[in-house]
């Protein structure tokens, strides 16, 4: 018989990521500095076997103040939507007590991700209210290297974001991001594509 716990869920960061968030610098002035911190979290998530090789950080756009850096938690939480972007955006919204990270009463926010968001996280990016997206790369290299299914995106995905007031910067720390994906691919960790099962 189902219990009340069967009708609620929560997403949490692993203990190491909670500690690392508490020790983040007060500000990260450049987008390269922000991306390198995100890449460090993504690599650590693979090393600690606490989720997939993805991380996402929410920063104040102008000051570089970190709000939170999240990591992928699909397998630990048995939750297909627990991607790094979902975790980071949700935690940022909770901390700032707003569903809209672009609301008039809060600073503009930037989402920094170690690759282009998948189909699901693309939608979450639009609805989150962020005004800037910074990614290490786009295209099919995540799928080629790791085997993850990133889902369908329209060819003009970047233009669609920009039409909604979200600036897009592509190619920040590109080679470092690819190295992290290759590290995951060589680690033997499972690839959690739906219906196909872990590979």
N, C-alpha and C. Protein backbone atom coordinates (compact mmCIF):
# COMPACT_ATOMS: atom_id res chain seq x y z
N UNK A 1 0.83 -1.20 0.00
CA UNK A 1 0.00 0.00 0.00
C UNK A 1 0.87 1.25 0.00
N UNK A 2 0.48 2.24 -0.79
CA UNK A 2 1.25 3.47 -0.89
C UNK A 2 1.19 4.26 0.40
N UNK A 3 2.31 4.89 0.73
CA UNK A 3 2.38 5.77 1.89
C UNK A 3 2.41 7.22 1.42
N UNK A 4 2.34 8.14 2.37
CA UNK A 4 2.38 9.57 2.00
C UNK A 4 3.69 9.92 1.30
N UNK A 5 4.77 9.20 1.63
CA UNK A 5 6.06 9.45 0.98
C UNK A 5 6.03 9.12 -0.50
N UNK A 6 5.08 8.27 -0.91
CA UNK A 6 4.97 7.91 -2.32
C UNK A 6 4.34 9.02 -3.15
N UNK A 7 3.87 10.08 -2.50
CA UNK A 7 3.21 11.17 -3.20
C UNK A 7 3.96 12.50 -3.06
N UNK A 8 5.24 12.40 -2.81
CA UNK A 8 6.08 13.59 -2.78
C UNK A 8 7.48 13.19 -3.23
N UNK A 9 8.23 14.16 -3.66
CA UNK A 9 9.62 13.87 -4.01
C UNK A 9 10.44 15.14 -3.83
N UNK A 10 11.74 14.95 -3.68
CA UNK A 10 12.65 16.08 -3.59
C UNK A 10 13.94 15.70 -4.28
N UNK A 11 14.64 16.70 -4.73
CA UNK A 11 15.94 16.51 -5.36
C UNK A 11 16.99 17.16 -4.47
N UNK A 12 18.02 16.42 -4.16
CA UNK A 12 19.07 16.94 -3.30
C UNK A 12 20.43 16.79 -3.97
N UNK A 13 21.32 17.66 -3.62
CA UNK A 13 22.70 17.52 -4.05
C UNK A 13 23.41 16.48 -3.19
N UNK A 14 24.42 15.82 -3.74
CA UNK A 14 25.22 14.92 -2.90
C UNK A 14 25.99 15.74 -1.86
N UNK A 15 26.41 15.07 -0.81
CA UNK A 15 27.07 15.77 0.30
C UNK A 15 28.29 16.56 -0.16
N UNK A 16 29.08 15.98 -1.05
CA UNK A 16 30.28 16.69 -1.49
C UNK A 16 29.91 18.01 -2.20
N UNK A 17 28.82 17.99 -3.01
CA UNK A 17 28.42 19.19 -3.74
C UNK A 17 27.84 20.25 -2.81
N UNK A 18 27.17 19.82 -1.75
CA UNK A 18 26.68 20.78 -0.75
C UNK A 18 27.87 21.49 -0.12
N UNK A 19 28.88 20.72 0.27
CA UNK A 19 30.07 21.32 0.87
C UNK A 19 30.79 22.24 -0.10
N UNK A 20 30.90 21.82 -1.36
CA UNK A 20 31.58 22.66 -2.36
C UNK A 20 30.81 23.95 -2.60
N UNK A 21 29.48 23.88 -2.60
CA UNK A 21 28.69 25.11 -2.77
C UNK A 21 28.92 26.07 -1.62
N UNK A 22 29.07 25.55 -0.42
CA UNK A 22 29.31 26.41 0.74
C UNK A 22 30.67 27.10 0.65
N UNK A 23 31.58 26.52 -0.13
CA UNK A 23 32.94 27.05 -0.22
C UNK A 23 33.21 27.79 -1.53
N UNK A 24 32.18 28.08 -2.30
CA UNK A 24 32.39 28.84 -3.53
C UNK A 24 32.90 30.24 -3.22
N UNK A 25 33.65 30.80 -4.16
CA UNK A 25 34.13 32.17 -4.00
C UNK A 25 32.95 33.14 -4.00
N UNK A 26 33.11 34.31 -3.41
CA UNK A 26 32.02 35.29 -3.41
C UNK A 26 31.58 35.70 -4.80
N UNK A 27 32.53 35.81 -5.73
CA UNK A 27 32.19 36.19 -7.10
C UNK A 27 33.12 35.47 -8.09
N UNK A 28 32.61 35.29 -9.30
CA UNK A 28 33.38 34.76 -10.42
C UNK A 28 33.21 35.76 -11.55
N UNK A 29 34.25 36.56 -11.77
CA UNK A 29 34.10 37.74 -12.62
C UNK A 29 33.93 37.39 -14.09
N UNK A 30 34.62 36.38 -14.59
CA UNK A 30 34.55 36.06 -16.02
C UNK A 30 33.71 34.82 -16.26
N UNK A 31 33.19 34.71 -17.48
CA UNK A 31 32.41 33.51 -17.80
C UNK A 31 33.31 32.28 -17.84
N UNK A 32 34.59 32.47 -18.13
CA UNK A 32 35.52 31.34 -18.09
C UNK A 32 35.69 30.83 -16.67
N UNK A 33 35.79 31.73 -15.71
CA UNK A 33 35.90 31.32 -14.31
C UNK A 33 34.64 30.57 -13.87
N UNK A 34 33.48 31.06 -14.30
CA UNK A 34 32.22 30.41 -13.94
C UNK A 34 32.15 29.02 -14.56
N UNK A 35 32.55 28.92 -15.83
CA UNK A 35 32.49 27.63 -16.51
C UNK A 35 33.47 26.64 -15.90
N UNK A 36 34.65 27.08 -15.55
CA UNK A 36 35.62 26.14 -14.97
C UNK A 36 35.11 25.56 -13.65
N UNK A 37 34.39 26.36 -12.88
CA UNK A 37 33.80 25.85 -11.64
C UNK A 37 32.72 24.82 -11.95
N UNK A 38 31.90 25.10 -12.95
CA UNK A 38 30.87 24.15 -13.37
C UNK A 38 31.51 22.85 -13.87
N UNK A 39 32.57 22.96 -14.66
CA UNK A 39 33.25 21.77 -15.16
C UNK A 39 33.86 20.96 -14.03
N UNK A 40 34.34 21.64 -13.01
CA UNK A 40 34.90 20.93 -11.85
C UNK A 40 33.82 20.11 -11.16
N UNK A 41 32.63 20.67 -11.02
CA UNK A 41 31.51 19.94 -10.41
C UNK A 41 31.10 18.75 -11.29
N UNK A 42 31.06 18.95 -12.60
CA UNK A 42 30.67 17.87 -13.51
C UNK A 42 31.65 16.70 -13.41
N UNK A 43 32.92 17.01 -13.40
CA UNK A 43 33.95 15.95 -13.29
C UNK A 43 33.84 15.25 -11.95
N UNK A 44 33.65 16.01 -10.90
CA UNK A 44 33.55 15.42 -9.56
C UNK A 44 32.32 14.51 -9.45
N UNK A 45 31.25 14.87 -10.13
CA UNK A 45 30.05 14.04 -10.09
C UNK A 45 30.32 12.66 -10.68
N UNK A 46 31.13 12.61 -11.72
CA UNK A 46 31.55 11.32 -12.29
C UNK A 46 32.46 10.59 -11.32
N UNK A 47 33.44 11.30 -10.79
CA UNK A 47 34.40 10.66 -9.88
C UNK A 47 33.72 10.08 -8.65
N UNK A 48 32.77 10.79 -8.12
CA UNK A 48 32.09 10.35 -6.89
C UNK A 48 30.96 9.36 -7.17
N UNK A 49 30.66 9.15 -8.45
CA UNK A 49 29.57 8.24 -8.86
C UNK A 49 28.24 8.67 -8.24
N UNK A 50 28.00 9.99 -8.29
CA UNK A 50 26.77 10.54 -7.72
C UNK A 50 25.83 11.09 -8.79
N UNK A 51 26.04 10.71 -10.04
CA UNK A 51 25.17 11.15 -11.12
C UNK A 51 25.94 11.23 -12.43
N UNK A 52 25.26 11.72 -13.46
CA UNK A 52 25.88 11.83 -14.77
C UNK A 52 26.89 12.96 -14.86
N UNK A 53 27.56 13.08 -16.02
CA UNK A 53 28.69 14.01 -16.16
C UNK A 53 28.29 15.44 -16.50
N UNK A 54 27.26 15.91 -15.82
CA UNK A 54 26.74 17.24 -16.14
C UNK A 54 26.59 18.09 -14.89
N UNK A 55 26.87 19.38 -15.06
CA UNK A 55 26.69 20.34 -13.98
C UNK A 55 26.18 21.65 -14.58
N UNK A 56 25.52 22.43 -13.75
CA UNK A 56 24.98 23.72 -14.19
C UNK A 56 25.04 24.68 -13.02
N UNK A 57 25.41 25.90 -13.31
CA UNK A 57 25.50 26.90 -12.26
C UNK A 57 24.63 28.10 -12.56
N UNK A 58 24.01 28.64 -11.53
CA UNK A 58 23.26 29.88 -11.65
C UNK A 58 24.07 30.97 -10.96
N UNK A 59 24.36 32.03 -11.70
CA UNK A 59 25.15 33.15 -11.21
C UNK A 59 24.40 34.45 -11.45
N UNK A 60 24.63 35.44 -10.61
CA UNK A 60 24.17 36.78 -10.94
C UNK A 60 24.94 37.24 -12.18
N UNK A 61 24.22 37.71 -13.15
CA UNK A 61 24.83 38.04 -14.44
C UNK A 61 25.91 39.10 -14.31
N UNK A 62 25.62 40.18 -13.64
CA UNK A 62 26.54 41.32 -13.62
C UNK A 62 27.66 41.17 -12.60
N UNK A 63 27.37 40.62 -11.44
CA UNK A 63 28.38 40.53 -10.38
C UNK A 63 29.16 39.23 -10.40
N UNK A 64 28.59 38.17 -10.99
CA UNK A 64 29.24 36.87 -10.94
C UNK A 64 29.06 36.15 -9.63
N UNK A 65 28.18 36.67 -8.77
CA UNK A 65 27.93 35.98 -7.50
C UNK A 65 27.25 34.65 -7.77
N UNK A 66 27.82 33.54 -7.25
CA UNK A 66 27.18 32.25 -7.46
C UNK A 66 25.96 32.08 -6.56
N UNK A 67 24.86 31.63 -7.14
CA UNK A 67 23.70 31.27 -6.34
C UNK A 67 23.81 29.81 -5.95
N UNK A 68 24.01 28.95 -6.94
CA UNK A 68 24.17 27.52 -6.67
C UNK A 68 24.71 26.84 -7.92
N UNK A 69 25.47 25.77 -7.70
CA UNK A 69 25.88 24.90 -8.79
C UNK A 69 25.27 23.53 -8.52
N UNK A 70 24.51 23.04 -9.48
CA UNK A 70 23.85 21.75 -9.36
C UNK A 70 24.49 20.72 -10.26
N UNK A 71 24.24 19.46 -9.96
CA UNK A 71 24.76 18.36 -10.76
C UNK A 71 23.63 17.40 -11.11
N UNK A 72 23.88 16.58 -12.10
CA UNK A 72 22.91 15.59 -12.54
C UNK A 72 22.68 14.55 -11.44
N UNK A 73 21.39 14.22 -11.19
CA UNK A 73 21.04 13.29 -10.10
C UNK A 73 20.02 12.24 -10.56
N UNK A 74 19.99 11.92 -11.85
CA UNK A 74 18.99 11.01 -12.40
C UNK A 74 19.00 9.66 -11.71
N UNK A 75 20.14 9.00 -11.70
CA UNK A 75 20.19 7.64 -11.15
C UNK A 75 20.02 7.62 -9.63
N UNK A 76 20.72 8.47 -8.87
CA UNK A 76 20.52 8.42 -7.41
C UNK A 76 19.09 8.66 -6.96
N UNK A 77 18.36 9.51 -7.69
CA UNK A 77 16.99 9.84 -7.30
C UNK A 77 15.93 9.07 -8.08
N UNK A 78 16.38 8.18 -9.02
CA UNK A 78 15.44 7.43 -9.85
C UNK A 78 14.43 8.37 -10.50
N UNK A 79 14.96 9.47 -11.05
CA UNK A 79 14.11 10.54 -11.57
C UNK A 79 14.69 11.02 -12.89
N UNK A 80 13.99 10.74 -13.99
CA UNK A 80 14.52 11.08 -15.31
C UNK A 80 14.67 12.58 -15.54
N UNK A 81 13.96 13.39 -14.76
CA UNK A 81 14.05 14.84 -14.94
C UNK A 81 15.11 15.50 -14.07
N UNK A 82 15.86 14.73 -13.31
CA UNK A 82 16.84 15.30 -12.38
C UNK A 82 18.15 15.65 -13.08
N UNK A 83 18.03 16.40 -14.17
CA UNK A 83 19.20 16.87 -14.89
C UNK A 83 19.83 18.05 -14.14
N UNK A 84 21.07 18.32 -14.46
CA UNK A 84 21.80 19.36 -13.74
C UNK A 84 21.11 20.71 -13.82
N UNK A 85 20.58 21.06 -15.00
CA UNK A 85 19.92 22.34 -15.15
C UNK A 85 18.67 22.43 -14.28
N UNK A 86 17.88 21.35 -14.25
CA UNK A 86 16.67 21.33 -13.43
C UNK A 86 17.03 21.49 -11.97
N UNK A 87 18.05 20.76 -11.53
CA UNK A 87 18.48 20.84 -10.13
C UNK A 87 18.96 22.25 -9.80
N UNK A 88 19.82 22.81 -10.64
CA UNK A 88 20.38 24.14 -10.36
C UNK A 88 19.30 25.22 -10.38
N UNK A 89 18.46 25.22 -11.41
CA UNK A 89 17.43 26.25 -11.50
C UNK A 89 16.43 26.14 -10.35
N UNK A 90 16.05 24.91 -10.01
CA UNK A 90 15.08 24.72 -8.91
C UNK A 90 15.65 25.16 -7.58
N UNK A 91 16.91 24.81 -7.32
CA UNK A 91 17.54 25.23 -6.07
C UNK A 91 17.70 26.74 -6.01
N UNK A 92 18.06 27.35 -7.14
CA UNK A 92 18.20 28.81 -7.17
C UNK A 92 16.86 29.48 -6.90
N UNK A 93 15.80 28.98 -7.52
CA UNK A 93 14.48 29.56 -7.31
C UNK A 93 14.03 29.40 -5.86
N UNK A 94 14.36 28.26 -5.27
CA UNK A 94 14.02 28.05 -3.86
C UNK A 94 14.79 29.02 -2.97
N UNK A 95 16.09 29.14 -3.21
CA UNK A 95 16.91 30.02 -2.38
C UNK A 95 16.48 31.47 -2.50
N UNK A 96 16.13 31.89 -3.71
CA UNK A 96 15.76 33.28 -3.94
C UNK A 96 14.27 33.54 -3.76
N UNK A 97 13.53 32.47 -3.48
CA UNK A 97 12.08 32.58 -3.22
C UNK A 97 11.34 33.22 -4.38
N UNK A 98 11.64 32.73 -5.59
CA UNK A 98 10.93 33.20 -6.77
C UNK A 98 10.95 32.13 -7.84
N UNK A 99 9.86 31.98 -8.56
CA UNK A 99 9.84 31.06 -9.70
C UNK A 99 10.42 31.71 -10.94
N UNK A 100 10.68 33.02 -10.87
CA UNK A 100 11.14 33.79 -12.03
C UNK A 100 12.48 34.45 -11.72
N UNK A 101 13.55 33.86 -12.26
CA UNK A 101 14.88 34.41 -12.01
C UNK A 101 15.15 35.69 -12.82
N UNK A 102 14.14 36.13 -13.55
CA UNK A 102 14.25 37.40 -14.26
C UNK A 102 13.24 38.42 -13.78
N UNK A 103 12.68 38.17 -12.59
CA UNK A 103 11.66 39.07 -12.04
C UNK A 103 12.25 40.46 -11.77
N UNK A 104 11.42 41.48 -11.77
CA UNK A 104 11.91 42.85 -11.58
C UNK A 104 12.63 43.07 -10.25
N UNK A 105 12.28 42.31 -9.24
CA UNK A 105 12.86 42.55 -7.92
C UNK A 105 14.11 41.73 -7.63
N UNK A 106 14.63 41.00 -8.62
CA UNK A 106 15.86 40.23 -8.43
C UNK A 106 16.86 40.59 -9.52
N UNK A 107 18.15 40.43 -9.25
CA UNK A 107 19.14 40.71 -10.30
C UNK A 107 18.97 39.76 -11.48
N UNK A 108 19.47 40.15 -12.64
CA UNK A 108 19.48 39.26 -13.80
C UNK A 108 20.40 38.08 -13.50
N UNK A 109 19.98 36.89 -13.96
CA UNK A 109 20.75 35.68 -13.68
C UNK A 109 21.20 34.98 -14.96
N UNK A 110 22.29 34.28 -14.82
CA UNK A 110 22.92 33.56 -15.92
C UNK A 110 23.01 32.09 -15.57
N UNK A 111 22.72 31.23 -16.55
CA UNK A 111 22.87 29.79 -16.39
C UNK A 111 24.10 29.34 -17.17
N UNK A 112 25.01 28.67 -16.48
CA UNK A 112 26.26 28.20 -17.09
C UNK A 112 26.24 26.67 -17.04
N UNK A 113 26.37 26.04 -18.21
CA UNK A 113 26.22 24.59 -18.32
C UNK A 113 27.37 24.01 -19.12
N UNK A 114 27.78 22.79 -18.77
CA UNK A 114 28.93 22.21 -19.46
C UNK A 114 28.62 21.66 -20.85
N UNK A 115 27.38 21.78 -21.32
CA UNK A 115 27.05 21.55 -22.72
C UNK A 115 25.68 22.13 -22.99
N UNK A 116 25.27 22.16 -24.24
CA UNK A 116 23.94 22.67 -24.59
C UNK A 116 22.86 21.87 -23.87
N UNK A 117 21.85 22.53 -23.31
CA UNK A 117 20.78 21.80 -22.63
C UNK A 117 20.07 20.82 -23.57
N UNK A 118 19.63 19.70 -22.99
CA UNK A 118 18.84 18.73 -23.73
C UNK A 118 17.46 19.33 -24.03
N UNK A 119 16.61 18.54 -24.69
CA UNK A 119 15.29 19.04 -25.06
C UNK A 119 14.49 19.49 -23.84
N UNK A 120 14.53 18.71 -22.77
CA UNK A 120 13.78 19.05 -21.56
C UNK A 120 14.35 20.31 -20.91
N UNK A 121 15.66 20.35 -20.74
CA UNK A 121 16.28 21.48 -20.05
C UNK A 121 16.24 22.76 -20.88
N UNK A 122 16.12 22.60 -22.19
CA UNK A 122 15.92 23.77 -23.05
C UNK A 122 14.63 24.48 -22.65
N UNK A 123 13.57 23.71 -22.47
CA UNK A 123 12.31 24.30 -22.03
C UNK A 123 12.43 24.91 -20.65
N UNK A 124 13.10 24.22 -19.74
CA UNK A 124 13.28 24.74 -18.39
C UNK A 124 14.06 26.04 -18.40
N UNK A 125 15.02 26.15 -19.31
CA UNK A 125 15.80 27.38 -19.44
C UNK A 125 14.89 28.55 -19.82
N UNK A 126 14.00 28.31 -20.77
CA UNK A 126 13.09 29.37 -21.20
C UNK A 126 12.20 29.84 -20.04
N UNK A 127 11.62 28.87 -19.30
CA UNK A 127 10.64 29.23 -18.27
C UNK A 127 11.29 29.73 -16.99
N UNK A 128 12.59 29.57 -16.84
CA UNK A 128 13.24 29.91 -15.58
C UNK A 128 13.36 31.40 -15.32
N UNK A 129 13.39 32.19 -16.40
CA UNK A 129 13.57 33.63 -16.25
C UNK A 129 15.00 34.10 -16.38
N UNK A 130 15.96 33.18 -16.58
CA UNK A 130 17.34 33.62 -16.75
C UNK A 130 17.46 34.46 -18.01
N UNK A 131 18.44 35.34 -18.06
CA UNK A 131 18.61 36.22 -19.21
C UNK A 131 19.88 35.92 -20.00
N UNK A 132 20.65 34.94 -19.55
CA UNK A 132 21.90 34.61 -20.23
C UNK A 132 22.18 33.12 -20.06
N UNK A 133 22.55 32.46 -21.16
CA UNK A 133 22.95 31.07 -21.15
C UNK A 133 24.37 30.97 -21.68
N UNK A 134 25.25 30.35 -20.92
CA UNK A 134 26.64 30.13 -21.34
C UNK A 134 26.88 28.63 -21.38
N UNK A 135 27.34 28.13 -22.53
CA UNK A 135 27.59 26.70 -22.66
C UNK A 135 28.97 26.45 -23.25
N UNK A 136 29.52 25.30 -22.92
CA UNK A 136 30.85 24.95 -23.42
C UNK A 136 30.81 24.52 -24.87
N UNK A 137 29.67 24.00 -25.31
CA UNK A 137 29.57 23.56 -26.69
C UNK A 137 28.15 23.17 -27.02
N UNK A 138 27.91 22.91 -28.29
CA UNK A 138 26.60 22.47 -28.77
C UNK A 138 26.84 21.38 -29.80
N UNK A 139 25.76 20.86 -30.35
CA UNK A 139 25.91 19.83 -31.36
C UNK A 139 25.88 18.44 -30.75
N UNK A 140 26.30 17.46 -31.55
CA UNK A 140 26.09 16.05 -31.20
C UNK A 140 27.25 15.40 -30.46
N UNK A 141 28.23 16.17 -30.01
CA UNK A 141 29.40 15.54 -29.41
C UNK A 141 29.08 14.83 -28.10
N UNK A 142 28.13 15.34 -27.32
CA UNK A 142 27.72 14.64 -26.10
C UNK A 142 27.22 13.24 -26.46
N UNK A 143 26.38 13.18 -27.47
CA UNK A 143 25.82 11.89 -27.88
C UNK A 143 26.91 10.99 -28.47
N UNK A 144 27.79 11.58 -29.28
CA UNK A 144 28.85 10.79 -29.90
C UNK A 144 29.81 10.22 -28.86
N UNK A 145 30.16 11.04 -27.87
CA UNK A 145 31.15 10.62 -26.89
C UNK A 145 30.55 9.70 -25.83
N UNK A 146 29.38 10.07 -25.32
CA UNK A 146 28.84 9.36 -24.15
C UNK A 146 27.71 8.39 -24.48
N UNK A 147 26.98 8.64 -25.56
CA UNK A 147 25.83 7.81 -25.87
C UNK A 147 24.52 8.30 -25.30
N UNK A 148 24.53 9.44 -24.59
CA UNK A 148 23.29 10.00 -24.06
C UNK A 148 22.41 10.50 -25.20
N UNK A 149 21.10 10.31 -25.06
CA UNK A 149 20.12 10.84 -25.99
C UNK A 149 19.70 12.21 -25.49
N UNK A 150 20.05 13.25 -26.24
CA UNK A 150 19.75 14.61 -25.82
C UNK A 150 18.39 15.11 -26.31
N UNK A 151 17.72 14.32 -27.13
CA UNK A 151 16.40 14.70 -27.60
C UNK A 151 16.44 15.69 -28.75
N UNK A 152 15.28 15.94 -29.37
CA UNK A 152 15.23 16.82 -30.54
C UNK A 152 15.19 18.29 -30.16
N UNK A 153 16.00 19.07 -30.83
CA UNK A 153 15.93 20.53 -30.73
C UNK A 153 15.82 21.10 -32.13
N UNK A 154 15.08 22.18 -32.26
CA UNK A 154 14.98 22.83 -33.56
C UNK A 154 16.33 23.42 -33.95
N UNK A 155 16.56 23.50 -35.25
CA UNK A 155 17.83 24.03 -35.74
C UNK A 155 18.06 25.46 -35.27
N UNK A 156 16.99 26.22 -35.09
CA UNK A 156 17.13 27.62 -34.69
C UNK A 156 16.93 27.80 -33.18
N UNK A 157 17.34 26.81 -32.39
CA UNK A 157 17.14 26.85 -30.93
C UNK A 157 17.76 28.10 -30.31
N UNK A 158 18.95 28.47 -30.80
CA UNK A 158 19.63 29.63 -30.22
C UNK A 158 18.86 30.92 -30.52
N UNK A 159 18.41 31.05 -31.74
CA UNK A 159 17.62 32.23 -32.13
C UNK A 159 16.34 32.32 -31.32
N UNK A 160 15.72 31.17 -31.05
CA UNK A 160 14.48 31.14 -30.25
C UNK A 160 14.75 31.70 -28.85
N UNK A 161 15.87 31.31 -28.25
CA UNK A 161 16.21 31.83 -26.92
C UNK A 161 16.42 33.33 -26.97
N UNK A 162 17.18 33.77 -27.95
CA UNK A 162 17.50 35.19 -28.05
C UNK A 162 16.25 36.04 -28.29
N UNK A 163 15.28 35.48 -29.03
CA UNK A 163 14.02 36.19 -29.23
C UNK A 163 13.25 36.34 -27.93
N UNK A 164 13.55 35.48 -26.96
CA UNK A 164 12.89 35.54 -25.66
C UNK A 164 13.73 36.29 -24.63
N UNK A 165 14.75 37.00 -25.10
CA UNK A 165 15.56 37.81 -24.20
C UNK A 165 16.66 37.08 -23.48
N UNK A 166 17.03 35.89 -23.98
CA UNK A 166 18.10 35.11 -23.36
C UNK A 166 19.30 35.11 -24.30
N UNK A 167 20.36 35.80 -23.92
CA UNK A 167 21.57 35.80 -24.73
C UNK A 167 22.26 34.43 -24.62
N UNK A 168 22.93 34.01 -25.68
CA UNK A 168 23.58 32.70 -25.71
C UNK A 168 25.05 32.86 -26.07
N UNK A 169 25.91 32.29 -25.24
CA UNK A 169 27.35 32.27 -25.51
C UNK A 169 27.79 30.82 -25.60
N UNK A 170 28.39 30.45 -26.73
CA UNK A 170 28.77 29.06 -27.00
C UNK A 170 30.28 28.94 -27.11
N UNK A 171 30.84 27.86 -26.58
CA UNK A 171 32.25 27.55 -26.80
C UNK A 171 33.18 27.95 -25.68
N UNK A 172 32.66 28.20 -24.49
CA UNK A 172 33.50 28.60 -23.36
C UNK A 172 34.13 27.35 -22.74
N UNK A 173 35.46 27.29 -22.72
CA UNK A 173 36.21 26.14 -22.18
C UNK A 173 35.81 24.85 -22.89
N UNK A 174 35.67 24.92 -24.18
CA UNK A 174 35.16 23.82 -25.01
C UNK A 174 35.96 22.53 -24.82
N UNK A 175 37.26 22.62 -24.99
CA UNK A 175 38.09 21.40 -24.92
C UNK A 175 38.09 20.81 -23.52
N UNK A 176 38.05 21.65 -22.50
CA UNK A 176 38.00 21.14 -21.12
C UNK A 176 36.70 20.37 -20.89
N UNK A 177 35.62 20.86 -21.47
CA UNK A 177 34.33 20.18 -21.33
C UNK A 177 34.36 18.83 -22.01
N UNK A 178 34.94 18.77 -23.22
CA UNK A 178 35.03 17.50 -23.94
C UNK A 178 35.88 16.50 -23.17
N UNK A 179 36.92 16.97 -22.52
CA UNK A 179 37.76 16.06 -21.72
C UNK A 179 36.96 15.44 -20.59
N UNK A 180 36.08 16.22 -19.97
CA UNK A 180 35.24 15.68 -18.90
C UNK A 180 34.27 14.64 -19.41
N UNK A 181 33.71 14.86 -20.60
CA UNK A 181 32.79 13.88 -21.19
C UNK A 181 33.53 12.59 -21.54
N UNK A 182 34.74 12.72 -22.04
CA UNK A 182 35.52 11.53 -22.36
C UNK A 182 35.88 10.76 -21.09
N UNK A 183 36.16 11.48 -20.05
CA UNK A 183 36.45 10.83 -18.76
C UNK A 183 35.26 9.99 -18.32
N UNK A 184 34.06 10.54 -18.45
CA UNK A 184 32.85 9.79 -18.11
C UNK A 184 32.72 8.56 -19.00
N UNK A 185 32.90 8.74 -20.31
CA UNK A 185 32.74 7.63 -21.25
C UNK A 185 33.68 6.49 -20.93
N UNK A 186 34.87 6.81 -20.45
CA UNK A 186 35.86 5.79 -20.12
C UNK A 186 35.70 5.22 -18.72
N UNK A 187 34.77 5.76 -17.94
CA UNK A 187 34.63 5.35 -16.55
C UNK A 187 33.80 4.09 -16.38
N UNK A 188 33.04 3.72 -17.39
CA UNK A 188 32.15 2.57 -17.26
C UNK A 188 30.84 2.87 -16.57
N UNK A 189 30.58 4.13 -16.26
CA UNK A 189 29.32 4.51 -15.61
C UNK A 189 28.16 4.30 -16.57
N UNK A 190 26.96 4.01 -16.05
CA UNK A 190 25.82 3.73 -16.93
C UNK A 190 25.31 4.97 -17.65
N UNK A 191 24.79 4.75 -18.86
CA UNK A 191 24.12 5.77 -19.64
C UNK A 191 22.63 5.49 -19.53
N UNK A 192 21.87 6.42 -18.98
CA UNK A 192 20.51 6.17 -18.54
C UNK A 192 19.47 6.66 -19.55
N UNK A 193 19.55 6.20 -20.77
CA UNK A 193 18.56 6.58 -21.76
C UNK A 193 17.25 5.84 -21.52
N UNK A 194 16.14 6.55 -21.55
CA UNK A 194 14.84 5.96 -21.30
C UNK A 194 14.50 4.89 -22.34
N UNK A 195 13.82 3.86 -21.89
CA UNK A 195 13.33 2.74 -22.71
C UNK A 195 14.44 1.86 -23.21
N UNK A 196 15.62 2.39 -23.41
CA UNK A 196 16.72 1.57 -23.89
C UNK A 196 17.46 0.92 -22.73
N UNK A 197 17.22 1.41 -21.51
CA UNK A 197 17.90 0.88 -20.35
C UNK A 197 19.33 1.35 -20.27
N UNK A 198 20.00 1.12 -19.15
CA UNK A 198 21.41 1.52 -19.03
C UNK A 198 22.25 0.76 -20.03
N UNK A 199 23.22 1.44 -20.62
CA UNK A 199 24.10 0.77 -21.58
C UNK A 199 25.43 0.44 -20.93
